Amino acid sequence: MRIFRHGRLWRTIDFDAVPGALALSPDGRFLAAAVGEQVEVADVAAAQVRIQLRGATGLLLDIAWSADGSHIWALDDGRVFSWLPGNAVTLVDNPAADFNSVLPAISAGDAWIVGMHRLTEISVATGTTLRVRTLPDILTSAGATPSGSLALVSGERYLW
């Protein structure tokens, strides 16, 4: 799916298959796609599928959002289905960042985002950057304790 803004390609969203029907959420933040017997919900700004809603028993023919965005409805040739999609929030929108891990921080309101060469601590409430730690390595993955008091970052050369 290609999304254009002001006549220029803005985002490309890859669904599992070609959607049979599409519906934009009332606030314009999410795009729901009927893909076979499931609904895939993509965050338009991040260009990523965030939720896969399953449970339909036939090929979905049409899809719609409730006026308040709290439900997604879809139908096959003999049934109507309803899902609560949840409330996803985009904290960081940087398609070129090449993130590979997200970790809890010591402060419950913060998280660490691991990219190719750096760890960035962000506020979960606002998405603002709090701290950046750059490492002289290509970072590939990371893990942390649930409390955020200890983290291990794997690089191509070292474990940090």
Protein backbone atom coordinates (compact mmCIF):
# COMPACT_ATOMS: atom_id res chain seq x y z
CA MET A 1 0.00 0.00 0.00
CA ARG A 2 1.46 3.37 -0.99
CA ILE A 3 0.37 6.55 0.75
CA PHE A 4 0.87 9.86 -0.97
CA ARG A 5 0.98 13.27 0.70
CA HIS A 6 0.93 16.49 -1.31
CA GLY A 7 1.30 14.43 -4.49
CA ARG A 8 4.50 12.68 -3.34
CA LEU A 9 5.09 9.19 -1.95
CA TRP A 10 5.07 9.56 1.85
CA ARG A 11 4.84 6.03 3.27
CA THR A 12 4.64 2.42 2.09
CA ILE A 13 2.80 -0.13 4.24
CA ASP A 14 3.32 -3.85 3.66
CA PHE A 15 0.32 -6.01 4.56
CA ASP A 16 0.48 -9.84 4.58
CA ALA A 17 -1.44 -9.93 1.28
CA VAL A 18 -3.32 -7.57 -1.00
CA PRO A 19 -6.17 -6.09 1.07
CA GLY A 20 -9.73 -6.75 -0.10
CA ALA A 21 -11.00 -3.61 1.63
CA LEU A 22 -9.52 -0.61 3.46
CA ALA A 23 -10.83 1.84 6.05
CA LEU A 24 -9.09 4.87 7.54
CA SER A 25 -9.74 5.51 11.24
CA PRO A 26 -11.80 8.62 12.09
CA ASP A 27 -8.69 10.46 13.33
CA GLY A 28 -6.64 9.42 10.27
CA ARG A 29 -3.94 7.74 12.36
CA PHE A 30 -4.69 4.10 11.48
CA LEU A 31 -5.53 2.16 8.35
CA ALA A 32 -7.48 -1.08 8.73
CA ALA A 33 -7.14 -3.63 5.95
CA ALA A 34 -9.24 -6.73 5.35
CA VAL A 35 -6.63 -9.35 4.47
CA GLY A 36 -8.19 -12.76 3.91
CA GLU A 37 -9.88 -13.79 7.17
CA GLN A 38 -8.15 -11.19 9.35
CA VAL A 39 -7.91 -7.44 9.80
CA GLU A 40 -4.49 -5.80 9.89
CA VAL A 41 -4.30 -2.37 11.49
CA ALA A 42 -1.39 -0.17 10.44
CA ASP A 43 -0.09 3.00 12.05
CA VAL A 44 -0.08 5.37 9.06
CA ALA A 45 2.68 7.69 10.35
CA ALA A 46 5.01 4.81 11.24
CA ALA A 47 4.04 2.78 8.14
CA GLN A 48 3.86 -0.41 10.22
CA VAL A 49 1.21 -3.01 10.89
CA ARG A 50 0.59 -2.81 14.65
CA ILE A 51 -2.29 -5.23 15.21
CA GLN A 52 -3.64 -8.36 13.53
CA LEU A 53 -7.26 -9.07 14.45
CA ARG A 54 -8.32 -12.68 13.98
CA GLY A 55 -11.50 -14.61 14.55
CA ALA A 56 -13.39 -14.18 11.31
CA THR A 57 -14.58 -17.41 9.75
CA GLY A 58 -14.64 -16.41 6.10
CA LEU A 59 -13.04 -14.12 3.54
CA LEU A 60 -13.66 -10.53 4.71
CA LEU A 61 -15.46 -8.44 2.10
CA ASP A 62 -15.77 -5.04 3.76
CA ILE A 63 -14.48 -3.15 6.80
CA ALA A 64 -15.42 0.00 8.74
CA TRP A 65 -14.49 1.93 11.89
CA SER A 66 -17.01 3.11 14.46
CA ALA A 67 -17.41 6.89 14.51
CA ASP A 68 -15.40 7.16 17.74
CA GLY A 69 -12.64 4.80 16.51
CA SER A 70 -13.21 2.33 19.35
CA HIS A 71 -14.32 -0.60 17.17
CA ILE A 72 -13.56 -2.10 13.80
CA TRP A 73 -16.31 -3.97 12.01
CA ALA A 74 -15.90 -6.37 9.13
CA LEU A 75 -18.12 -8.82 7.32
CA ASP A 76 -17.91 -11.92 5.22
CA ASP A 77 -20.75 -13.24 3.10
CA GLY A 78 -22.87 -14.24 6.11
CA ARG A 79 -21.39 -12.79 9.31
CA VAL A 80 -20.47 -9.44 10.85
CA PHE A 81 -17.49 -9.24 13.22
CA SER A 82 -16.45 -6.59 15.75
CA TRP A 83 -13.05 -5.95 17.35
CA LEU A 84 -11.67 -3.48 19.89
CA PRO A 85 -8.37 -2.47 18.28
CA GLY A 86 -6.83 -0.78 21.33
CA ASN A 87 -5.13 2.55 21.44
CA ALA A 88 -1.66 2.54 19.89
CA VAL A 89 0.50 5.64 20.29
CA THR A 90 3.49 6.53 18.12
CA LEU A 91 6.24 7.89 20.36
CA VAL A 92 9.02 8.17 17.78
CA ASP A 93 8.54 8.50 14.03
CA ASN A 94 11.89 8.07 12.31
CA PRO A 95 11.84 5.43 9.54
CA ALA A 96 15.61 5.89 8.96
CA ALA A 97 16.55 5.18 12.61
CA ASP A 98 17.03 1.39 12.22
CA PHE A 99 15.86 0.45 15.74
CA ASN A 100 16.35 -3.13 16.91
CA SER A 101 15.34 -3.24 20.61
CA VAL A 102 13.26 -1.44 23.21
CA LEU A 103 14.12 -1.77 26.91
CA PRO A 104 12.64 -0.56 30.19
CA ALA A 105 14.49 2.26 31.94
CA ILE A 106 14.91 2.64 35.69
CA SER A 107 12.21 5.31 35.69
CA ALA A 108 8.82 3.70 34.95
CA GLY A 109 7.94 6.60 32.65
CA ASP A 110 10.96 6.09 30.40
CA ALA A 111 12.27 3.50 27.93
CA TRP A 112 15.51 2.90 26.06
CA ILE A 113 15.43 2.51 22.26
CA VAL A 114 18.44 0.72 20.76
CA GLY A 115 19.56 1.62 17.25
CA MET A 116 22.56 0.80 15.12
CA HIS A 117 25.14 2.77 17.15
CA ARG A 118 23.27 4.31 20.07
CA LEU A 119 20.87 3.87 22.93
CA THR A 120 18.30 6.64 23.32
CA GLU A 121 16.30 7.08 26.50
CA ILE A 122 12.86 8.54 25.80
CA SER A 123 9.91 9.67 27.87
CA VAL A 124 7.02 7.25 27.30
CA ALA A 125 4.56 10.07 27.97
CA THR A 126 5.90 12.47 25.34
CA GLY A 127 8.43 10.62 23.16
CA THR A 128 11.07 13.27 23.86
CA THR A 129 14.71 12.25 24.05
CA LEU A 130 16.15 12.33 27.57
CA ARG A 131 19.62 10.86 27.06
CA VAL A 132 21.72 9.37 24.26
CA ARG A 133 24.59 6.92 24.66
CA THR A 134 26.68 6.27 21.54
CA LEU A 135 28.79 3.11 21.41
CA PRO A 136 31.69 2.42 19.00
CA ASP A 137 30.08 -0.72 17.63
CA ILE A 138 27.20 -1.85 15.42
CA LEU A 139 24.49 -2.81 17.89
CA THR A 140 22.37 -5.81 16.94
CA SER A 141 20.14 -6.66 19.92
CA ALA A 142 19.57 -5.96 23.59
CA GLY A 143 17.77 -7.17 26.69
CA ALA A 144 17.18 -5.81 30.18
CA THR A 145 15.83 -6.73 33.57
CA PRO A 146 12.15 -5.79 34.09
CA SER A 147 13.23 -3.05 36.53
CA GLY A 148 15.54 -1.46 33.94
CA SER A 149 18.43 -1.63 36.40
CA LEU A 150 20.58 -3.84 34.16
CA ALA A 151 20.85 -4.10 30.38
CA LEU A 152 22.97 -6.15 27.99
CA VAL A 153 23.57 -4.87 24.47
CA SER A 154 25.05 -7.10 21.82
CA GLY A 155 27.27 -5.56 19.18
CA GLU A 156 29.23 -7.01 16.29
CA ARG A 157 32.47 -6.60 18.26
CA TYR A 158 31.51 -6.59 21.94
CA LEU A 159 28.84 -7.26 24.54
CA TRP A 160 28.07 -4.03 26.36
